[in-house]
Amino acid sequence: MKACISFSGGLDSTCLLMYLLSKNYDVKCYSFKYGQKHERIELEKAQLNISFLQEKNFKVKHQIIDLTDVFNESASSLHSNNNQAIPKGGYTVETQKSTVVENRNVIFAAIIYGKALSWAKVTNSNVDIFLGIHANEGSIYPDCSDESRLAAELCFSVSNWDSEKVSYQAPFVKLSKGCVLERGIDAMYDLDLEDCIHQVLKNTHSCYDPDQKGRSCGQCGSCTERMAAFKYNELDDPVDYADLIFTSLNL
């Protein structure tokens, strides 16, 4: 089985990758440079986990695609060209709306679909593309909703010959981020990587506003959601935080 995924190096896409490997998929991962403020750290973490898996002889390939010019006029507070501060606090539409990057995940999915269809044609086989969206994101980020995924799948399908060779799936769409982490950990046990779980999770990045040392801020919505996921699984988060002001909240 073959799969293509958008691989940010974050917790969700890393858990998705582990899940797919545990299901015996041969996976091609695509990471994107689009001018995000946390770009350097995010991509470094992604490469660390890919290298680790390749050294373990897992069937995984990785490519970084530069889309800087595509998003260089973004109004998102997540973009490095924008001086807006990253909002603090938990995930709500009001606090996180400024972090939406216009059409980002639809553009990523279109590129990955094209990659998957090319792979399917060359190998005369079926290829699945996967999005690591989960229930926490759909109401905040419109392009992470299942409605957006289904609409994109229809658009891609009617826009290509041989589209029956590619399916577009989101296995975590009804799960919380805590459950996504749980699935990722279970997958690592299935892959006999239980001794490496700490290492793999340490080499993920979620924070929208890391400091100069690469430490997570502990205050943005992405950090608080990540901390809640680890709390749900009764685990300590192995990444470094500059400020854990929100750990006292009832996450």
C-alpha atoms as a PDB file:
ATOM      1  CA  MET A   1       0.000   0.000   0.000  1.00  0.00           C
ATOM      2  CA  LYS A   2       1.164   3.514  -0.800  1.00  0.00           C
ATOM      3  CA  ALA A   3       0.397   6.835   0.899  1.00  0.00           C
ATOM      4  CA  CYS A   4       1.305  10.510   0.532  1.00  0.00           C
ATOM      5  CA  ILE A   5       0.939  12.908   3.458  1.00  0.00           C
ATOM      6  CA  SER A   6       1.555  16.526   4.353  1.00  0.00           C
ATOM      7  CA  PHE A   7       4.203  16.240   7.056  1.00  0.00           C
ATOM      8  CA  SER A   8       4.721  19.383   9.116  1.00  0.00           C
ATOM      9  CA  GLY A   9       6.783  17.718  11.822  1.00  0.00           C
ATOM     10  CA  GLY A  10       4.047  18.489  14.319  1.00  0.00           C
ATOM     11  CA  LEU A  11       2.390  16.080  16.702  1.00  0.00           C
ATOM     12  CA  ASP A  12      -0.593  15.274  14.466  1.00  0.00           C
ATOM     13  CA  SER A  13       1.341  14.536  11.268  1.00  0.00           C
ATOM     14  CA  THR A  14       3.934  12.509  13.193  1.00  0.00           C
ATOM     15  CA  CYS A  15       1.212  10.387  14.790  1.00  0.00           C
ATOM     16  CA  LEU A  16      -0.375   9.990  11.358  1.00  0.00           C
ATOM     17  CA  LEU A  17       2.931   8.837   9.880  1.00  0.00           C
ATOM     18  CA  MET A  18       3.399   6.266  12.649  1.00  0.00           C
ATOM     19  CA  TYR A  19      -0.184   5.089  12.198  1.00  0.00           C
ATOM     20  CA  LEU A  20       0.329   4.564   8.452  1.00  0.00           C
ATOM     21  CA  LEU A  21       3.633   2.761   8.912  1.00  0.00           C
ATOM     22  CA  SER A  22       1.948   0.448  11.421  1.00  0.00           C
ATOM     23  CA  LYS A  23      -0.608  -0.345   8.694  1.00  0.00           C
ATOM     24  CA  ASN A  24       2.245  -1.328   6.331  1.00  0.00           C
ATOM     25  CA  TYR A  25       2.053   1.711   4.078  1.00  0.00           C
ATOM     26  CA  ASP A  26       4.994   2.858   1.993  1.00  0.00           C
ATOM     27  CA  VAL A  27       4.845   6.587   2.780  1.00  0.00           C
ATOM     28  CA  LYS A  28       6.023   9.694   0.946  1.00  0.00           C
ATOM     29  CA  CYS A  29       6.056  12.749   3.224  1.00  0.00           C
ATOM     30  CA  TYR A  30       5.952  16.319   1.937  1.00  0.00           C
ATOM     31  CA  SER A  31       6.862  19.283   4.134  1.00  0.00           C
ATOM     32  CA  PHE A  32       6.272  22.876   3.077  1.00  0.00           C
ATOM     33  CA  LYS A  33       8.191  26.092   3.584  1.00  0.00           C
ATOM     34  CA  TYR A  34       5.638  28.867   3.350  1.00  0.00           C
ATOM     35  CA  GLY A  35       7.097  31.599   5.539  1.00  0.00           C
ATOM     36  CA  GLN A  36       5.711  30.401   8.869  1.00  0.00           C
ATOM     37  CA  LYS A  37       7.332  32.024  11.917  1.00  0.00           C
ATOM     38  CA  HIS A  38       8.265  28.631  13.333  1.00  0.00           C
ATOM     39  CA  GLU A  39       9.520  27.284   9.994  1.00  0.00           C
ATOM     40  CA  ARG A  40      13.148  26.531  10.890  1.00  0.00           C
ATOM     41  CA  ILE A  41      12.346  24.588  14.054  1.00  0.00           C
ATOM     42  CA  GLU A  42       9.381  22.772  12.536  1.00  0.00           C
ATOM     43  CA  LEU A  43      11.358  21.519   9.524  1.00  0.00           C
ATOM     44  CA  GLU A  44      14.387  20.572  11.618  1.00  0.00           C
ATOM     45  CA  LYS A  45      12.171  18.405  13.824  1.00  0.00           C
ATOM     46  CA  ALA A  46      10.536  16.841  10.774  1.00  0.00           C
ATOM     47  CA  GLN A  47      13.908  15.896   9.312  1.00  0.00           C
ATOM     48  CA  LEU A  48      15.092  14.390  12.608  1.00  0.00           C
ATOM     49  CA  ASN A  49      12.181  11.959  12.782  1.00  0.00           C
ATOM     50  CA  ILE A  50      12.398  11.091   9.090  1.00  0.00           C
ATOM     51  CA  SER A  51      16.122  10.326   9.452  1.00  0.00           C
ATOM     52  CA  PHE A  52      15.398   8.214  12.528  1.00  0.00           C
ATOM     53  CA  LEU A  53      12.787   6.157  10.669  1.00  0.00           C
ATOM     54  CA  GLN A  54      14.970   5.723   7.606  1.00  0.00           C
ATOM     55  CA  GLU A  55      17.803   4.465   9.803  1.00  0.00           C
ATOM     56  CA  LYS A  56      15.322   1.892  11.146  1.00  0.00           C
ATOM     57  CA  ASN A  57      14.654   0.854   7.520  1.00  0.00           C
ATOM     58  CA  PHE A  58      11.037   1.985   7.412  1.00  0.00           C
ATOM     59  CA  LYS A  59       9.628   2.703   3.954  1.00  0.00           C
ATOM     60  CA  VAL A  60       9.435   6.465   4.202  1.00  0.00           C
ATOM     61  CA  LYS A  61      10.685   9.238   1.908  1.00  0.00           C
ATOM     62  CA  HIS A  62      10.715  12.977   2.510  1.00  0.00           C
ATOM     63  CA  GLN A  63      10.738  16.110   0.393  1.00  0.00           C
ATOM     64  CA  ILE A  64      10.625  19.769   1.451  1.00  0.00           C
ATOM     65  CA  ILE A  65       8.768  22.001  -1.021  1.00  0.00           C
ATOM     66  CA  ASP A  66       9.307  25.771  -1.017  1.00  0.00           C
ATOM     67  CA  LEU A  67       6.038  27.709  -1.293  1.00  0.00           C
ATOM     68  CA  THR A  68       7.360  30.966   0.146  1.00  0.00           C
ATOM     69  CA  ASP A  69       6.257  33.075  -2.811  1.00  0.00           C
ATOM     70  CA  VAL A  70       2.780  31.525  -2.797  1.00  0.00           C
ATOM     71  CA  PHE A  71       2.043  32.841   0.697  1.00  0.00           C
ATOM     72  CA  ASN A  72       4.224  35.976   0.815  1.00  0.00           C
ATOM     73  CA  GLU A  73       1.173  38.260   1.017  1.00  0.00           C
ATOM     74  CA  SER A  74      -0.554  36.324   3.772  1.00  0.00           C
ATOM     75  CA  ALA A  75      -2.398  38.344   6.413  1.00  0.00           C
ATOM     76  CA  SER A  76      -2.024  35.537   8.966  1.00  0.00           C
ATOM     77  CA  SER A  77      -0.291  36.237  12.276  1.00  0.00           C
ATOM     78  CA  LEU A  78       1.455  32.906  11.686  1.00  0.00           C
ATOM     79  CA  HIS A  79       3.402  34.323   8.743  1.00  0.00           C
ATOM     80  CA  SER A  80       6.847  35.857   9.236  1.00  0.00           C
ATOM     81  CA  ASN A  81       5.934  38.867   7.045  1.00  0.00           C
ATOM     82  CA  ASN A  82       3.223  39.820   9.507  1.00  0.00           C
ATOM     83  CA  ASN A  83       3.972  41.687  12.734  1.00  0.00           C
ATOM     84  CA  GLN A  84       0.767  40.616  14.461  1.00  0.00           C
ATOM     85  CA  ALA A  85       1.365  38.906  17.777  1.00  0.00           C
ATOM     86  CA  ILE A  86       0.445  35.248  18.056  1.00  0.00           C
ATOM     87  CA  PRO A  87      -2.698  35.081  20.244  1.00  0.00           C
ATOM     88  CA  LYS A  88      -2.410  33.483  23.670  1.00  0.00           C
ATOM     89  CA  GLY A  89      -4.854  31.125  25.324  1.00  0.00           C
ATOM     90  CA  GLY A  90      -6.805  28.018  24.409  1.00  0.00           C
ATOM     91  CA  TYR A  91      -8.309  27.164  21.028  1.00  0.00           C
ATOM     92  CA  THR A  92     -11.363  29.250  20.160  1.00  0.00           C
ATOM     93  CA  VAL A  93     -12.491  30.761  16.863  1.00  0.00           C
ATOM     94  CA  GLU A  94     -11.959  34.233  18.321  1.00  0.00           C
ATOM     95  CA  THR A  95      -8.388  33.659  19.503  1.00  0.00           C
ATOM     96  CA  GLN A  96      -7.176  31.507  16.611  1.00  0.00           C
ATOM     97  CA  LYS A  97      -8.783  33.197  13.616  1.00  0.00           C
ATOM     98  CA  SER A  98      -5.730  35.402  13.039  1.00  0.00           C
ATOM     99  CA  THR A  99      -3.541  32.285  12.669  1.00  0.00           C
ATOM    100  CA  VAL A 100      -5.487  30.960   9.673  1.00  0.00           C
ATOM    101  CA  VAL A 101      -3.249  30.921   6.582  1.00  0.00           C
ATOM    102  CA  GLU A 102      -5.399  31.518   3.533  1.00  0.00           C
ATOM    103  CA  ASN A 103      -6.260  28.261   1.712  1.00  0.00           C
ATOM    104  CA  ARG A 104      -3.103  26.625   3.104  1.00  0.00           C
ATOM    105  CA  ASN A 105      -4.260  23.050   3.574  1.00  0.00           C
ATOM    106  CA  VAL A 106      -6.242  22.986   0.329  1.00  0.00           C
ATOM    107  CA  ILE A 107      -3.089  24.067  -1.533  1.00  0.00           C
ATOM    108  CA  PHE A 108      -1.004  21.470   0.299  1.00  0.00           C
ATOM    109  CA  ALA A 109      -3.582  18.786  -0.477  1.00  0.00           C
ATOM    110  CA  ALA A 110      -3.668  19.738  -4.176  1.00  0.00           C
ATOM    111  CA  ILE A 111       0.099  19.351  -4.410  1.00  0.00           C
ATOM    112  CA  ILE A 112       0.074  16.043  -2.557  1.00  0.00           C
ATOM    113  CA  TYR A 113      -2.777  14.774  -4.733  1.00  0.00           C
ATOM    114  CA  GLY A 114      -0.716  15.573  -7.826  1.00  0.00           C
ATOM    115  CA  LYS A 115       2.268  13.739  -6.344  1.00  0.00           C
ATOM    116  CA  ALA A 116       0.087  10.749  -5.465  1.00  0.00           C
ATOM    117  CA  LEU A 117      -1.512  10.575  -8.901  1.00  0.00           C
ATOM    118  CA  SER A 118       1.894  10.659 -10.594  1.00  0.00           C
ATOM    119  CA  TRP A 119       3.110   7.866  -8.311  1.00  0.00           C
ATOM    120  CA  ALA A 120      -0.033   5.858  -9.032  1.00  0.00           C
ATOM    121  CA  LYS A 121       0.443   6.178 -12.784  1.00  0.00           C
ATOM    122  CA  VAL A 122       4.135   5.290 -12.719  1.00  0.00           C
ATOM    123  CA  THR A 123       3.569   2.206 -10.557  1.00  0.00           C
ATOM    124  CA  ASN A 124       0.128   1.312 -11.952  1.00  0.00           C
ATOM    125  CA  SER A 125      -1.217   1.052  -8.419  1.00  0.00           C
ATOM    126  CA  ASN A 126      -3.529   2.874  -6.041  1.00  0.00           C
ATOM    127  CA  VAL A 127      -2.201   5.614  -3.756  1.00  0.00           C
ATOM    128  CA  ASP A 128      -3.986   7.162  -0.775  1.00  0.00           C
ATOM    129  CA  ILE A 129      -3.435  10.683   0.472  1.00  0.00           C
ATOM    130  CA  PHE A 130      -4.040  11.442   4.123  1.00  0.00           C
ATOM    131  CA  LEU A 131      -4.743  14.568   6.147  1.00  0.00           C
ATOM    132  CA  GLY A 132      -4.057  14.523   9.887  1.00  0.00           C
ATOM    133  CA  ILE A 133      -7.045  16.705  10.822  1.00  0.00           C
ATOM    134  CA  HIS A 134      -8.879  15.992  14.060  1.00  0.00           C
ATOM    135  CA  ALA A 135     -12.064  17.109  15.789  1.00  0.00           C
ATOM    136  CA  ASN A 136     -10.410  20.018  17.654  1.00  0.00           C
ATOM    137  CA  GLU A 137      -9.409  21.772  14.419  1.00  0.00           C
ATOM    138  CA  GLY A 138     -12.447  21.613  12.144  1.00  0.00           C
ATOM    139  CA  SER A 139     -14.382  24.451  13.758  1.00  0.00           C
ATOM    140  CA  ILE A 140     -11.299  26.695  14.032  1.00  0.00           C
ATOM    141  CA  TYR A 141      -9.619  26.164  10.671  1.00  0.00           C
ATOM    142  CA  PRO A 142     -12.127  25.865   7.803  1.00  0.00           C
ATOM    143  CA  ASP A 143      -9.602  24.090   5.564  1.00  0.00           C
ATOM    144  CA  CYS A 144      -9.148  21.430   8.261  1.00  0.00           C
ATOM    145  CA  SER A 145     -12.827  20.516   8.280  1.00  0.00           C
ATOM    146  CA  ASP A 146     -14.113  17.292   6.801  1.00  0.00           C
ATOM    147  CA  GLU A 147     -16.416  19.367   4.583  1.00  0.00           C
ATOM    148  CA  SER A 148     -13.343  21.021   3.054  1.00  0.00           C
ATOM    149  CA  ARG A 149     -11.639  17.650   2.596  1.00  0.00           C
ATOM    150  CA  LEU A 150     -14.669  16.167   0.837  1.00  0.00           C
ATOM    151  CA  ALA A 151     -15.062  19.214  -1.408  1.00  0.00           C
ATOM    152  CA  ALA A 152     -11.374  19.114  -2.309  1.00  0.00           C
ATOM    153  CA  GLU A 153     -11.549  15.382  -3.018  1.00  0.00           C
ATOM    154  CA  LEU A 154     -14.450  15.973  -5.440  1.00  0.00           C
ATOM    155  CA  CYS A 155     -12.603  18.849  -7.125  1.00  0.00           C
ATOM    156  CA  PHE A 156      -9.418  16.805  -7.536  1.00  0.00           C
ATOM    157  CA  SER A 157     -11.389  13.800  -8.766  1.00  0.00           C
ATOM    158  CA  VAL A 158     -13.259  15.637 -11.535  1.00  0.00           C
ATOM    159  CA  SER A 159     -10.121  17.570 -12.513  1.00  0.00           C
ATOM    160  CA  ASN A 160      -7.938  14.549 -13.383  1.00  0.00           C
ATOM    161  CA  TRP A 161      -7.895  11.466 -15.533  1.00  0.00           C
ATOM    162  CA  ASP A 162      -7.199   8.260 -13.574  1.00  0.00           C
ATOM    163  CA  SER A 163      -8.423   9.882 -10.362  1.00  0.00           C
ATOM    164  CA  GLU A 164      -9.960   6.559  -9.337  1.00  0.00           C
ATOM    165  CA  LYS A 165      -6.396   5.541  -8.433  1.00  0.00           C
ATOM    166  CA  VAL A 166      -6.216   8.094  -5.583  1.00  0.00           C
ATOM    167  CA  SER A 167      -8.372   8.405  -2.456  1.00  0.00           C
ATOM    168  CA  TYR A 168      -8.270  11.232   0.102  1.00  0.00           C
ATOM    169  CA  GLN A 169      -8.696  10.130   3.712  1.00  0.00           C
ATOM    170  CA  ALA A 170      -8.724  11.635   7.206  1.00  0.00           C
ATOM    171  CA  PRO A 171      -8.660   8.786   9.753  1.00  0.00           C
ATOM    172  CA  PHE A 172      -8.513  11.080  12.803  1.00  0.00           C
ATOM    173  CA  VAL A 173     -11.290  13.497  11.806  1.00  0.00           C
ATOM    174  CA  LYS A 174     -13.635  12.469  14.644  1.00  0.00           C
ATOM    175  CA  LEU A 175     -10.914  12.150  17.297  1.00  0.00           C
ATOM    176  CA  SER A 176      -9.621  14.686  19.821  1.00  0.00           C
ATOM    177  CA  LYS A 177      -5.929  15.578  19.772  1.00  0.00           C
ATOM    178  CA  GLY A 178      -5.492  13.448  22.892  1.00  0.00           C
ATOM    179  CA  CYS A 179      -6.883  10.455  21.012  1.00  0.00           C
ATOM    180  CA  VAL A 180      -4.629  11.232  18.032  1.00  0.00           C
ATOM    181  CA  LEU A 181      -1.617  11.089  20.346  1.00  0.00           C
ATOM    182  CA  GLU A 182      -2.926   7.831  21.785  1.00  0.00           C
ATOM    183  CA  ARG A 183      -3.185   6.343  18.274  1.00  0.00           C
ATOM    184  CA  GLY A 184       0.353   7.465  17.492  1.00  0.00           C
ATOM    185  CA  ILE A 185       1.737   5.882  20.653  1.00  0.00           C
ATOM    186  CA  ASP A 186      -0.158   2.646  19.996  1.00  0.00           C
ATOM    187  CA  ALA A 187       1.301   2.601  16.477  1.00  0.00           C
ATOM    188  CA  MET A 188       4.830   2.955  17.830  1.00  0.00           C
ATOM    189  CA  TYR A 189       4.238  -0.061  20.070  1.00  0.00           C
ATOM    190  CA  ASP A 190       3.017  -1.981  17.016  1.00  0.00           C
ATOM    191  CA  LEU A 191       6.209  -0.953  15.202  1.00  0.00           C
ATOM    192  CA  ASP A 192       8.400  -2.137  18.120  1.00  0.00           C
ATOM    193  CA  LEU A 193       9.457   1.457  18.799  1.00  0.00           C
ATOM    194  CA  GLU A 194       8.255   1.597  22.414  1.00  0.00           C
ATOM    195  CA  ASP A 195      11.790   2.406  23.597  1.00  0.00           C
ATOM    196  CA  CYS A 196      11.926   5.365  21.205  1.00  0.00           C
ATOM    197  CA  ILE A 197       8.572   7.020  21.952  1.00  0.00           C
ATOM    198  CA  HIS A 198      10.158   9.766  24.073  1.00  0.00           C
ATOM    199  CA  GLN A 199      12.702  10.517  21.326  1.00  0.00           C
ATOM    200  CA  VAL A 200      10.102  10.654  18.561  1.00  0.00           C
ATOM    201  CA  LEU A 201       7.732  12.906  20.521  1.00  0.00           C
ATOM    202  CA  LYS A 202      10.586  15.197  21.566  1.00  0.00           C
ATOM    203  CA  ASN A 203      11.343  15.655  17.883  1.00  0.00           C
ATOM    204  CA  THR A 204       7.915  17.122  17.152  1.00  0.00           C
ATOM    205  CA  HIS A 205       6.993  20.796  17.192  1.00  0.00           C
ATOM    206  CA  SER A 206       3.602  22.399  17.791  1.00  0.00           C
ATOM    207  CA  CYS A 207       4.283  25.926  19.067  1.00  0.00           C
ATOM    208  CA  TYR A 208       3.352  28.935  16.924  1.00  0.00           C
ATOM    209  CA  ASP A 209       5.693  31.291  18.766  1.00  0.00           C
ATOM    210  CA  PRO A 210       8.947  29.581  19.864  1.00  0.00           C
ATOM    211  CA  ASP A 211      11.777  31.635  21.357  1.00  0.00           C
ATOM    212  CA  GLN A 212      15.285  32.103  19.945  1.00  0.00           C
ATOM    213  CA  LYS A 213      16.395  28.838  21.567  1.00  0.00           C
ATOM    214  CA  GLY A 214      13.592  26.930  19.880  1.00  0.00           C
ATOM    215  CA  ARG A 215      11.646  26.433  23.107  1.00  0.00           C
ATOM    216  CA  SER A 216       7.866  26.323  22.878  1.00  0.00           C
ATOM    217  CA  CYS A 217       6.118  29.364  24.336  1.00  0.00           C
ATOM    218  CA  GLY A 218       3.648  27.404  26.479  1.00  0.00           C
ATOM    219  CA  GLN A 219       1.040  30.119  25.936  1.00  0.00           C
ATOM    220  CA  CYS A 220      -0.349  29.915  22.400  1.00  0.00           C
ATOM    221  CA  GLY A 221      -3.389  27.864  21.448  1.00  0.00           C
ATOM    222  CA  SER A 222      -1.276  25.185  19.806  1.00  0.00           C
ATOM    223  CA  CYS A 223       0.821  24.748  22.965  1.00  0.00           C
ATOM    224  CA  THR A 224      -2.181  24.541  25.264  1.00  0.00           C
ATOM    225  CA  GLU A 225      -3.888  22.015  22.994  1.00  0.00           C
ATOM    226  CA  ARG A 226      -0.708  19.932  22.886  1.00  0.00           C
ATOM    227  CA  MET A 227      -0.371  20.016  26.675  1.00  0.00           C
ATOM    228  CA  ALA A 228      -3.988  18.910  26.999  1.00  0.00           C
ATOM    229  CA  ALA A 229      -3.273  15.944  24.706  1.00  0.00           C
ATOM    230  CA  PHE A 230      -0.356  14.830  26.878  1.00  0.00           C
ATOM    231  CA  LYS A 231      -2.431  15.310  30.010  1.00  0.00           C
ATOM    232  CA  TYR A 232      -5.182  13.137  28.488  1.00  0.00           C
ATOM    233  CA  ASN A 233      -2.613  10.374  28.000  1.00  0.00           C
ATOM    234  CA  GLU A 234      -1.085  10.937  31.470  1.00  0.00           C
ATOM    235  CA  LEU A 235       2.302  11.662  29.910  1.00  0.00           C
ATOM    236  CA  ASP A 236       4.902  14.388  30.371  1.00  0.00           C
ATOM    237  CA  ASP A 237       5.579  16.362  27.219  1.00  0.00           C
ATOM    238  CA  PRO A 238       9.295  15.929  26.384  1.00  0.00           C
ATOM    239  CA  VAL A 239       9.697  19.230  24.479  1.00  0.00           C
ATOM    240  CA  ASP A 240      11.223  22.275  26.172  1.00  0.00           C
ATOM    241  CA  TYR A 241       8.936  25.141  27.183  1.00  0.00           C
ATOM    242  CA  ALA A 242       9.988  28.708  27.891  1.00  0.00           C
ATOM    243  CA  ASP A 243       6.876  29.472  29.942  1.00  0.00           C
ATOM    244  CA  LEU A 244       4.268  27.087  31.292  1.00  0.00           C
ATOM    245  CA  ILE A 245       1.816  29.748  32.436  1.00  0.00           C
ATOM    246  CA  PHE A 246      -1.164  27.716  31.258  1.00  0.00           C
ATOM    247  CA  THR A 247      -0.291  24.423  32.912  1.00  0.00           C
ATOM    248  CA  SER A 248      -2.285  25.547  35.949  1.00  0.00           C
ATOM    249  CA  LEU A 249      -5.442  25.737  33.820  1.00  0.00           C
ATOM    250  CA  ASN A 250      -7.917  22.894  33.683  1.00  0.00           C
ATOM    251  CA  LEU A 251      -6.803  21.712  30.238  1.00  0.00           C
END
